[in-house]
C-alpha atoms as a PDB file:
ATOM      1  CA  UNK A   1       0.000   0.000   0.000  1.00  0.00           C
ATOM      2  CA  UNK A   2       2.149   2.863  -1.143  1.00  0.00           C
ATOM      3  CA  UNK A   3       0.261   5.732   0.433  1.00  0.00           C
ATOM      4  CA  UNK A   4      -0.274   7.596  -2.784  1.00  0.00           C
ATOM      5  CA  UNK A   5      -2.831   8.137  -5.509  1.00  0.00           C
ATOM      6  CA  UNK A   6      -6.091   6.347  -4.716  1.00  0.00           C
ATOM      7  CA  UNK A   7      -4.433   3.368  -3.102  1.00  0.00           C
ATOM      8  CA  UNK A   8      -5.197   5.284   0.110  1.00  0.00           C
ATOM      9  CA  UNK A   9      -8.486   3.450   0.438  1.00  0.00           C
ATOM     10  CA  UNK A  10      -9.343  -0.244   0.150  1.00  0.00           C
ATOM     11  CA  UNK A  11      -9.860  -1.331  -3.433  1.00  0.00           C
ATOM     12  CA  UNK A  12     -12.278  -4.189  -2.869  1.00  0.00           C
ATOM     13  CA  UNK A  13      -9.738  -6.394  -1.119  1.00  0.00           C
ATOM     14  CA  UNK A  14     -10.537  -9.816   0.284  1.00  0.00           C
ATOM     15  CA  UNK A  15     -11.356  -8.170   3.622  1.00  0.00           C
ATOM     16  CA  UNK A  16     -14.228  -6.202   2.080  1.00  0.00           C
ATOM     17  CA  UNK A  17     -17.656  -7.939   2.239  1.00  0.00           C
ATOM     18  CA  UNK A  18     -18.088  -9.619  -1.165  1.00  0.00           C
ATOM     19  CA  UNK A  19     -21.402  -7.918  -1.913  1.00  0.00           C
ATOM     20  CA  UNK A  20     -19.762  -4.486  -1.586  1.00  0.00           C
ATOM     21  CA  UNK A  21     -16.709  -5.117  -3.752  1.00  0.00           C
ATOM     22  CA  UNK A  22     -18.303  -4.170  -7.097  1.00  0.00           C
ATOM     23  CA  UNK A  23     -19.478  -0.844  -5.670  1.00  0.00           C
ATOM     24  CA  UNK A  24     -16.060  -0.101  -4.159  1.00  0.00           C
ATOM     25  CA  UNK A  25     -14.401  -0.903  -7.486  1.00  0.00           C
ATOM     26  CA  UNK A  26     -16.833   1.421  -9.279  1.00  0.00           C
ATOM     27  CA  UNK A  27     -16.082   4.303  -6.905  1.00  0.00           C
ATOM     28  CA  UNK A  28     -12.360   3.636  -7.224  1.00  0.00           C
ATOM     29  CA  UNK A  29     -12.446   3.612 -11.037  1.00  0.00           C
ATOM     30  CA  UNK A  30     -14.269   6.925 -11.153  1.00  0.00           C
ATOM     31  CA  UNK A  31     -11.907   8.592  -8.666  1.00  0.00           C
ATOM     32  CA  UNK A  32      -8.832   7.135 -10.342  1.00  0.00           C
ATOM     33  CA  UNK A  33     -10.001   8.201 -13.798  1.00  0.00           C
ATOM     34  CA  UNK A  34     -10.635  11.756 -12.636  1.00  0.00           C
ATOM     35  CA  UNK A  35      -7.299  11.903 -10.816  1.00  0.00           C
ATOM     36  CA  UNK A  36      -5.466  10.690 -13.919  1.00  0.00           C
ATOM     37  CA  UNK A  37      -7.194  13.293 -16.099  1.00  0.00           C
ATOM     38  CA  UNK A  38      -6.010  16.024 -13.718  1.00  0.00           C
ATOM     39  CA  UNK A  39      -2.531  14.698 -13.076  1.00  0.00           C
ATOM     40  CA  UNK A  40      -1.140  12.292 -15.670  1.00  0.00           C
ATOM     41  CA  UNK A  41       0.330  12.801 -19.126  1.00  0.00           C
ATOM     42  CA  UNK A  42       1.183  16.036 -20.910  1.00  0.00           C
ATOM     43  CA  UNK A  43      -2.271  17.458 -21.652  1.00  0.00           C
ATOM     44  CA  UNK A  44      -2.794  21.209 -21.438  1.00  0.00           C
ATOM     45  CA  UNK A  45      -4.802  22.638 -18.545  1.00  0.00           C
ATOM     46  CA  UNK A  46      -7.783  23.415 -20.754  1.00  0.00           C
ATOM     47  CA  UNK A  47      -7.888  19.825 -21.977  1.00  0.00           C
ATOM     48  CA  UNK A  48      -7.716  18.478 -18.413  1.00  0.00           C
ATOM     49  CA  UNK A  49     -10.538  20.741 -17.262  1.00  0.00           C
ATOM     50  CA  UNK A  50     -12.623  19.723 -20.276  1.00  0.00           C
ATOM     51  CA  UNK A  51     -12.115  16.063 -19.378  1.00  0.00           C
ATOM     52  CA  UNK A  52     -13.232  16.683 -15.810  1.00  0.00           C
ATOM     53  CA  UNK A  53     -16.246  18.607 -17.065  1.00  0.00           C
ATOM     54  CA  UNK A  54     -17.165  15.610 -19.218  1.00  0.00           C
ATOM     55  CA  UNK A  55     -17.123  13.430 -16.100  1.00  0.00           C
ATOM     56  CA  UNK A  56     -19.408  15.956 -14.418  1.00  0.00           C
ATOM     57  CA  UNK A  57     -21.845  15.657 -17.317  1.00  0.00           C
ATOM     58  CA  UNK A  58     -21.761  11.884 -16.928  1.00  0.00           C
ATOM     59  CA  UNK A  59     -22.706  12.281 -13.268  1.00  0.00           C
ATOM     60  CA  UNK A  60     -25.658  14.408 -14.367  1.00  0.00           C
ATOM     61  CA  UNK A  61     -26.691  11.590 -16.711  1.00  0.00           C
ATOM     62  CA  UNK A  62     -26.561   9.143 -13.799  1.00  0.00           C
ATOM     63  CA  UNK A  63     -28.717  11.461 -11.704  1.00  0.00           C
ATOM     64  CA  UNK A  64     -31.258  11.727 -14.542  1.00  0.00           C
ATOM     65  CA  UNK A  65     -31.183   7.926 -14.962  1.00  0.00           C
ATOM     66  CA  UNK A  66     -30.203   8.317 -18.601  1.00  0.00           C
ATOM     67  CA  UNK A  67     -27.870   5.964 -20.425  1.00  0.00           C
ATOM     68  CA  UNK A  68     -24.505   6.259 -18.713  1.00  0.00           C
ATOM     69  CA  UNK A  69     -20.909   5.463 -19.625  1.00  0.00           C
ATOM     70  CA  UNK A  70     -20.548   4.295 -16.021  1.00  0.00           C
ATOM     71  CA  UNK A  71     -23.169   1.548 -15.574  1.00  0.00           C
ATOM     72  CA  UNK A  72     -21.424  -0.028 -12.557  1.00  0.00           C
ATOM     73  CA  UNK A  73     -21.213   3.330 -10.813  1.00  0.00           C
ATOM     74  CA  UNK A  74     -24.833   4.137 -11.693  1.00  0.00           C
ATOM     75  CA  UNK A  75     -25.877   0.792 -10.207  1.00  0.00           C
ATOM     76  CA  UNK A  76     -23.892   1.438  -7.019  1.00  0.00           C
ATOM     77  CA  UNK A  77     -25.323   4.946  -6.612  1.00  0.00           C
ATOM     78  CA  UNK A  78     -28.861   3.662  -7.113  1.00  0.00           C
ATOM     79  CA  UNK A  79     -28.512   0.563  -4.950  1.00  0.00           C
ATOM     80  CA  UNK A  80     -26.809   2.197  -1.978  1.00  0.00           C
ATOM     81  CA  UNK A  81     -28.250   5.717  -2.348  1.00  0.00           C
ATOM     82  CA  UNK A  82     -24.776   7.192  -2.625  1.00  0.00           C
ATOM     83  CA  UNK A  83     -24.533  10.970  -2.485  1.00  0.00           C
ATOM     84  CA  UNK A  84     -23.721  12.317  -5.956  1.00  0.00           C
ATOM     85  CA  UNK A  85     -22.488  15.666  -4.523  1.00  0.00           C
ATOM     86  CA  UNK A  86     -19.603  13.722  -2.968  1.00  0.00           C
ATOM     87  CA  UNK A  87     -18.483  12.763  -6.476  1.00  0.00           C
ATOM     88  CA  UNK A  88     -18.860  16.402  -7.488  1.00  0.00           C
ATOM     89  CA  UNK A  89     -16.558  17.319  -4.596  1.00  0.00           C
ATOM     90  CA  UNK A  90     -13.921  14.967  -5.982  1.00  0.00           C
ATOM     91  CA  UNK A  91     -14.142  16.585  -9.410  1.00  0.00           C
ATOM     92  CA  UNK A  92     -13.914  20.023  -7.826  1.00  0.00           C
ATOM     93  CA  UNK A  93     -10.691  19.053  -6.036  1.00  0.00           C
ATOM     94  CA  UNK A  94      -9.151  17.551  -9.154  1.00  0.00           C
ATOM     95  CA  UNK A  95      -9.981  20.707 -11.115  1.00  0.00           C
ATOM     96  CA  UNK A  96      -8.280  22.658  -8.337  1.00  0.00           C
ATOM     97  CA  UNK A  97      -5.163  20.539  -8.868  1.00  0.00           C
ATOM     98  CA  UNK A  98      -5.079  21.897 -12.415  1.00  0.00           C
ATOM     99  CA  UNK A  99      -5.590  25.534 -11.468  1.00  0.00           C
ATOM    100  CA  UNK A 100      -4.101  25.950  -7.973  1.00  0.00           C
ATOM    101  CA  UNK A 101      -0.448  24.929  -7.458  1.00  0.00           C
ATOM    102  CA  UNK A 102       0.018  26.636  -4.058  1.00  0.00           C
ATOM    103  CA  UNK A 103      -1.869  26.916  -0.740  1.00  0.00           C
ATOM    104  CA  UNK A 104      -1.426  29.952   1.474  1.00  0.00           C
ATOM    105  CA  UNK A 105      -2.585  28.338   4.701  1.00  0.00           C
ATOM    106  CA  UNK A 106      -3.245  25.032   6.393  1.00  0.00           C
ATOM    107  CA  UNK A 107      -6.942  25.901   6.383  1.00  0.00           C
ATOM    108  CA  UNK A 108      -6.892  26.199   2.589  1.00  0.00           C
ATOM    109  CA  UNK A 109      -5.187  22.798   2.381  1.00  0.00           C
ATOM    110  CA  UNK A 110      -7.832  21.303   4.664  1.00  0.00           C
ATOM    111  CA  UNK A 111     -10.548  22.668   2.388  1.00  0.00           C
ATOM    112  CA  UNK A 112      -8.882  20.947  -0.558  1.00  0.00           C
ATOM    113  CA  UNK A 113      -8.623  17.688   1.409  1.00  0.00           C
ATOM    114  CA  UNK A 114     -12.287  17.999   2.388  1.00  0.00           C
ATOM    115  CA  UNK A 115     -13.086  17.568  -1.300  1.00  0.00           C
ATOM    116  CA  UNK A 116     -10.166  15.432  -2.529  1.00  0.00           C
ATOM    117  CA  UNK A 117     -10.007  12.772   0.193  1.00  0.00           C
ATOM    118  CA  UNK A 118     -12.910  12.935   2.626  1.00  0.00           C
ATOM    119  CA  UNK A 119     -15.639  12.084   0.078  1.00  0.00           C
ATOM    120  CA  UNK A 120     -14.141   8.617  -0.362  1.00  0.00           C
ATOM    121  CA  UNK A 121     -14.525   7.779   3.317  1.00  0.00           C
ATOM    122  CA  UNK A 122     -18.039   9.174   3.421  1.00  0.00           C
ATOM    123  CA  UNK A 123     -19.046   7.124   0.378  1.00  0.00           C
ATOM    124  CA  UNK A 124     -17.729   3.995   2.075  1.00  0.00           C
ATOM    125  CA  UNK A 125     -19.745   4.814   5.196  1.00  0.00           C
ATOM    126  CA  UNK A 126     -22.831   5.052   2.990  1.00  0.00           C
ATOM    127  CA  UNK A 127     -22.007   1.648   1.516  1.00  0.00           C
ATOM    128  CA  UNK A 128     -21.726   0.219   5.030  1.00  0.00           C
ATOM    129  CA  UNK A 129     -25.060   1.840   6.015  1.00  0.00           C
ATOM    130  CA  UNK A 130     -23.200   3.717   8.780  1.00  0.00           C
ATOM    131  CA  UNK A 131     -23.526   7.289   7.562  1.00  0.00           C
ATOM    132  CA  UNK A 132     -23.687   8.860  11.026  1.00  0.00           C
ATOM    133  CA  UNK A 133     -22.366  12.272  12.070  1.00  0.00           C
ATOM    134  CA  UNK A 134     -19.847  11.028  14.640  1.00  0.00           C
ATOM    135  CA  UNK A 135     -18.507   8.432  12.218  1.00  0.00           C
ATOM    136  CA  UNK A 136     -18.231  11.016   9.438  1.00  0.00           C
ATOM    137  CA  UNK A 137     -16.034  13.128  11.712  1.00  0.00           C
ATOM    138  CA  UNK A 138     -13.700  10.181  12.355  1.00  0.00           C
ATOM    139  CA  UNK A 139     -13.716   9.161   8.699  1.00  0.00           C
ATOM    140  CA  UNK A 140     -12.799  12.707   7.646  1.00  0.00           C
ATOM    141  CA  UNK A 141      -9.882  12.682  10.086  1.00  0.00           C
ATOM    142  CA  UNK A 142      -8.552   9.413   8.658  1.00  0.00           C
ATOM    143  CA  UNK A 143      -8.918  10.519   5.038  1.00  0.00           C
ATOM    144  CA  UNK A 144      -7.341  13.926   5.610  1.00  0.00           C
ATOM    145  CA  UNK A 145      -4.520  12.314   7.583  1.00  0.00           C
ATOM    146  CA  UNK A 146      -3.836   9.929   4.717  1.00  0.00           C
ATOM    147  CA  UNK A 147      -3.951  12.824   2.253  1.00  0.00           C
ATOM    148  CA  UNK A 148      -1.365  14.742   4.271  1.00  0.00           C
ATOM    149  CA  UNK A 149       0.865  11.666   4.574  1.00  0.00           C
ATOM    150  CA  UNK A 150       0.688  11.385   0.783  1.00  0.00           C
ATOM    151  CA  UNK A 151       1.613  15.069   0.394  1.00  0.00           C
ATOM    152  CA  UNK A 152       4.632  14.843   2.712  1.00  0.00           C
ATOM    153  CA  UNK A 153       5.787  11.608   1.077  1.00  0.00           C
ATOM    154  CA  UNK A 154       5.653  13.179  -2.384  1.00  0.00           C
ATOM    155  CA  UNK A 155       6.909  16.721  -1.824  1.00  0.00           C
ATOM    156  CA  UNK A 156       9.784  16.270  -4.290  1.00  0.00           C
ATOM    157  CA  UNK A 157       7.580  14.491  -6.849  1.00  0.00           C
ATOM    158  CA  UNK A 158       4.903  17.184  -6.701  1.00  0.00           C
ATOM    159  CA  UNK A 159       7.459  19.992  -6.905  1.00  0.00           C
ATOM    160  CA  UNK A 160       8.616  18.648 -10.267  1.00  0.00           C
ATOM    161  CA  UNK A 161       4.976  18.949 -11.405  1.00  0.00           C
ATOM    162  CA  UNK A 162       4.912  22.572 -10.278  1.00  0.00           C
ATOM    163  CA  UNK A 163       2.923  21.955  -7.084  1.00  0.00           C
ATOM    164  CA  UNK A 164       3.675  22.728  -3.450  1.00  0.00           C
ATOM    165  CA  UNK A 165       1.160  21.432  -0.924  1.00  0.00           C
ATOM    166  CA  UNK A 166       3.137  22.634   2.077  1.00  0.00           C
ATOM    167  CA  UNK A 167       1.268  25.755   3.208  1.00  0.00           C
ATOM    168  CA  UNK A 168       3.134  28.929   2.262  1.00  0.00           C
ATOM    169  CA  UNK A 169       2.562  30.287   5.777  1.00  0.00           C
ATOM    170  CA  UNK A 170       4.352  27.276   7.264  1.00  0.00           C
ATOM    171  CA  UNK A 171       7.291  27.610   4.866  1.00  0.00           C
ATOM    172  CA  UNK A 172       7.725  31.202   5.984  1.00  0.00           C
ATOM    173  CA  UNK A 173       7.299  30.356   9.671  1.00  0.00           C
ATOM    174  CA  UNK A 174      10.086  27.770   9.554  1.00  0.00           C
ATOM    175  CA  UNK A 175      12.364  29.814   7.306  1.00  0.00           C
ATOM    176  CA  UNK A 176      12.162  27.430   4.353  1.00  0.00           C
ATOM    177  CA  UNK A 177      12.033  28.600   0.730  1.00  0.00           C
ATOM    178  CA  UNK A 178      10.891  26.842  -2.406  1.00  0.00           C
ATOM    179  CA  UNK A 179      14.459  27.176  -3.671  1.00  0.00           C
ATOM    180  CA  UNK A 180      15.425  24.822  -0.866  1.00  0.00           C
ATOM    181  CA  UNK A 181      12.871  22.281  -2.094  1.00  0.00           C
ATOM    182  CA  UNK A 182      14.358  22.582  -5.573  1.00  0.00           C
ATOM    183  CA  UNK A 183      17.820  21.935  -4.123  1.00  0.00           C
ATOM    184  CA  UNK A 184      16.606  19.038  -1.984  1.00  0.00           C
ATOM    185  CA  UNK A 185      18.310  20.509   1.073  1.00  0.00           C
ATOM    186  CA  UNK A 186      17.151  18.890   4.331  1.00  0.00           C
ATOM    187  CA  UNK A 187      18.745  21.272   6.841  1.00  0.00           C
ATOM    188  CA  UNK A 188      17.607  21.834  10.419  1.00  0.00           C
ATOM    189  CA  UNK A 189      14.846  24.255   9.388  1.00  0.00           C
ATOM    190  CA  UNK A 190      13.510  21.697   6.938  1.00  0.00           C
ATOM    191  CA  UNK A 191      13.666  18.949   9.561  1.00  0.00           C
ATOM    192  CA  UNK A 192      11.674  21.060  12.018  1.00  0.00           C
ATOM    193  CA  UNK A 193       9.084  21.884   9.342  1.00  0.00           C
ATOM    194  CA  UNK A 194       8.670  18.215   8.427  1.00  0.00           C
ATOM    195  CA  UNK A 195       8.431  17.140  12.054  1.00  0.00           C
ATOM    196  CA  UNK A 196       5.628  19.661  12.516  1.00  0.00           C
ATOM    197  CA  UNK A 197       3.749  18.408   9.440  1.00  0.00           C
ATOM    198  CA  UNK A 198       4.229  14.741  10.331  1.00  0.00           C
ATOM    199  CA  UNK A 199       2.763  15.310  13.798  1.00  0.00           C
ATOM    200  CA  UNK A 200      -0.264  17.017  12.239  1.00  0.00           C
ATOM    201  CA  UNK A 201      -0.984  14.013  10.057  1.00  0.00           C
ATOM    202  CA  UNK A 202      -0.375  11.543  12.877  1.00  0.00           C
ATOM    203  CA  UNK A 203      -2.847  13.340  15.135  1.00  0.00           C
ATOM    204  CA  UNK A 204      -5.533  13.160  12.474  1.00  0.00           C
ATOM    205  CA  UNK A 205      -5.002   9.444  11.822  1.00  0.00           C
ATOM    206  CA  UNK A 206      -5.103   8.631  15.522  1.00  0.00           C
ATOM    207  CA  UNK A 207      -8.144  10.874  16.003  1.00  0.00           C
ATOM    208  CA  UNK A 208     -10.047   8.865  13.411  1.00  0.00           C
ATOM    209  CA  UNK A 209      -8.675   5.444  14.362  1.00  0.00           C
ATOM    210  CA  UNK A 210     -11.562   4.508  16.723  1.00  0.00           C
ATOM    211  CA  UNK A 211     -13.747   4.270  13.604  1.00  0.00           C
ATOM    212  CA  UNK A 212     -12.161   0.904  12.863  1.00  0.00           C
ATOM    213  CA  UNK A 213     -13.289  -0.465  16.214  1.00  0.00           C
ATOM    214  CA  UNK A 214     -16.795   0.933  15.716  1.00  0.00           C
ATOM    215  CA  UNK A 215     -17.188  -0.650  12.278  1.00  0.00           C
ATOM    216  CA  UNK A 216     -15.666  -3.910  13.468  1.00  0.00           C
ATOM    217  CA  UNK A 217     -15.256  -7.159  11.564  1.00  0.00           C
ATOM    218  CA  UNK A 218     -13.355  -7.414   8.330  1.00  0.00           C
ATOM    219  CA  UNK A 219     -14.172  -3.830   7.366  1.00  0.00           C
ATOM    220  CA  UNK A 220     -12.722  -2.581  10.637  1.00  0.00           C
ATOM    221  CA  UNK A 221      -9.606  -4.684  10.138  1.00  0.00           C
ATOM    222  CA  UNK A 222      -9.132  -3.326   6.630  1.00  0.00           C
ATOM    223  CA  UNK A 223      -9.486   0.248   7.860  1.00  0.00           C
ATOM    224  CA  UNK A 224      -7.039  -0.441  10.670  1.00  0.00           C
ATOM    225  CA  UNK A 225      -4.527  -1.693   8.107  1.00  0.00           C
ATOM    226  CA  UNK A 226      -5.017   1.417   5.964  1.00  0.00           C
ATOM    227  CA  UNK A 227      -4.433   3.644   8.999  1.00  0.00           C
ATOM    228  CA  UNK A 228      -1.331   1.681   9.918  1.00  0.00           C
ATOM    229  CA  UNK A 229      -0.046   2.245   6.388  1.00  0.00           C
ATOM    230  CA  UNK A 230      -0.369   5.993   6.756  1.00  0.00           C
ATOM    231  CA  UNK A 231       1.256   5.938  10.194  1.00  0.00           C
ATOM    232  CA  UNK A 232       4.107   3.802   8.901  1.00  0.00           C
ATOM    233  CA  UNK A 233       4.848   6.233   6.060  1.00  0.00           C
ATOM    234  CA  UNK A 234       4.946   9.082   8.573  1.00  0.00           C
ATOM    235  CA  UNK A 235       7.171   7.037  10.853  1.00  0.00           C
ATOM    236  CA  UNK A 236       9.569   6.473   7.963  1.00  0.00           C
ATOM    237  CA  UNK A 237       9.644  10.214   7.217  1.00  0.00           C
ATOM    238  CA  UNK A 238      10.609  10.798  10.860  1.00  0.00           C
ATOM    239  CA  UNK A 239      13.361   8.196  10.704  1.00  0.00           C
ATOM    240  CA  UNK A 240      15.090   9.958   7.803  1.00  0.00           C
ATOM    241  CA  UNK A 241      14.706  13.355   9.523  1.00  0.00           C
ATOM    242  CA  UNK A 242      12.337  14.548   6.832  1.00  0.00           C
ATOM    243  CA  UNK A 243      14.785  13.927   3.968  1.00  0.00           C
ATOM    244  CA  UNK A 244      12.185  12.794   1.450  1.00  0.00           C
ATOM    245  CA  UNK A 245      14.448  14.137  -1.314  1.00  0.00           C
ATOM    246  CA  UNK A 246      17.000  11.323  -1.252  1.00  0.00           C
ATOM    247  CA  UNK A 247      15.029   8.742   0.740  1.00  0.00           C
ATOM    248  CA  UNK A 248      11.384   8.892  -0.327  1.00  0.00           C
ATOM    249  CA  UNK A 249       9.525   6.624   2.102  1.00  0.00           C
ATOM    250  CA  UNK A 250       7.881   3.547   0.625  1.00  0.00           C
ATOM    251  CA  UNK A 251       6.432   0.427   2.188  1.00  0.00           C
ATOM    252  CA  UNK A 252       8.364  -2.828   1.905  1.00  0.00           C
ATOM    253  CA  UNK A 253       7.347  -6.410   2.582  1.00  0.00           C
ATOM    254  CA  UNK A 254       8.759  -5.996   6.092  1.00  0.00           C
ATOM    255  CA  UNK A 255       6.574  -2.925   6.599  1.00  0.00           C
ATOM    256  CA  UNK A 256       3.522  -4.871   5.450  1.00  0.00           C
ATOM    257  CA  UNK A 257       4.263  -7.594   7.975  1.00  0.00           C
ATOM    258  CA  UNK A 258       4.651  -5.031  10.761  1.00  0.00           C
ATOM    259  CA  UNK A 259       1.497  -3.173   9.704  1.00  0.00           C
ATOM    260  CA  UNK A 260      -0.479  -6.406   9.624  1.00  0.00           C
ATOM    261  CA  UNK A 261       0.737  -7.343  13.111  1.00  0.00           C
ATOM    262  CA  UNK A 262      -0.184  -3.914  14.436  1.00  0.00           C
ATOM    263  CA  UNK A 263      -3.586  -4.007  12.763  1.00  0.00           C
ATOM    264  CA  UNK A 264      -4.323  -7.399  14.302  1.00  0.00           C
ATOM    265  CA  UNK A 265      -2.904  -6.885  17.773  1.00  0.00           C
ATOM    266  CA  UNK A 266      -3.082  -3.198  18.644  1.00  0.00           C
ATOM    267  CA  UNK A 267      -6.265  -1.459  19.673  1.00  0.00           C
ATOM    268  CA  UNK A 268      -7.531   0.896  16.952  1.00  0.00           C
ATOM    269  CA  UNK A 269      -6.861   3.889  19.166  1.00  0.00           C
ATOM    270  CA  UNK A 270      -3.286   2.899  19.994  1.00  0.00           C
ATOM    271  CA  UNK A 271      -0.330   4.736  18.497  1.00  0.00           C
ATOM    272  CA  UNK A 272       1.784   2.946  15.935  1.00  0.00           C
ATOM    273  CA  UNK A 273       4.849   4.986  16.775  1.00  0.00           C
END
């Protein structure tokens, strides 16, 4: 589970109840397709935005129960009464990826994550018939925490694409410039900045971790494993003192074994550090 792209949420694994796997795959395909339109290849911005707009029109067709290019997704939305505005939120965030390469504040980044990551967790809660306010709060914390872990893991990768997800206010507060990111210089200021960001993401993941215990069963175990993946990436960033430039954290077979042990034996609210 490299914590990147849409591998941040379970893609109909063997732990997912069999009857839900087709719906999860349908949600995943839509999110992955939209993400690829916004992020992959060499298309111009106008072409990317046009592709995302086409997906929006296809959502409107699903809502109107017209012939759709996404029959599996239409079936999932109809069967489980999934909220179409959550898919619109995803498209909004992906369009923002095309048009907004910088974020002034942490609050602005949270607003992006509210639309880029949190809808996935909320859609899964709707699939599980557990769309309750308290659980949405915990789900949002997990999804945003995973999103931040992804950002910190891929700072160097995103910079090459012209994007900086580290809030500009935080860069200034810690005395770090974008020129330093370009150089890949992990000095003491950079280390302090990364430690601050890692702790933010860890707090969110641990805040949402009780959701796994509430859901229980195989779904709860899968969620616990996903959370452990995010925590392990953050742990690896800490171990290299934030030097994601020369030692981008990835998960190995040994990490998977450790994550699986933690998911099975630690309480959902326990720290993985």
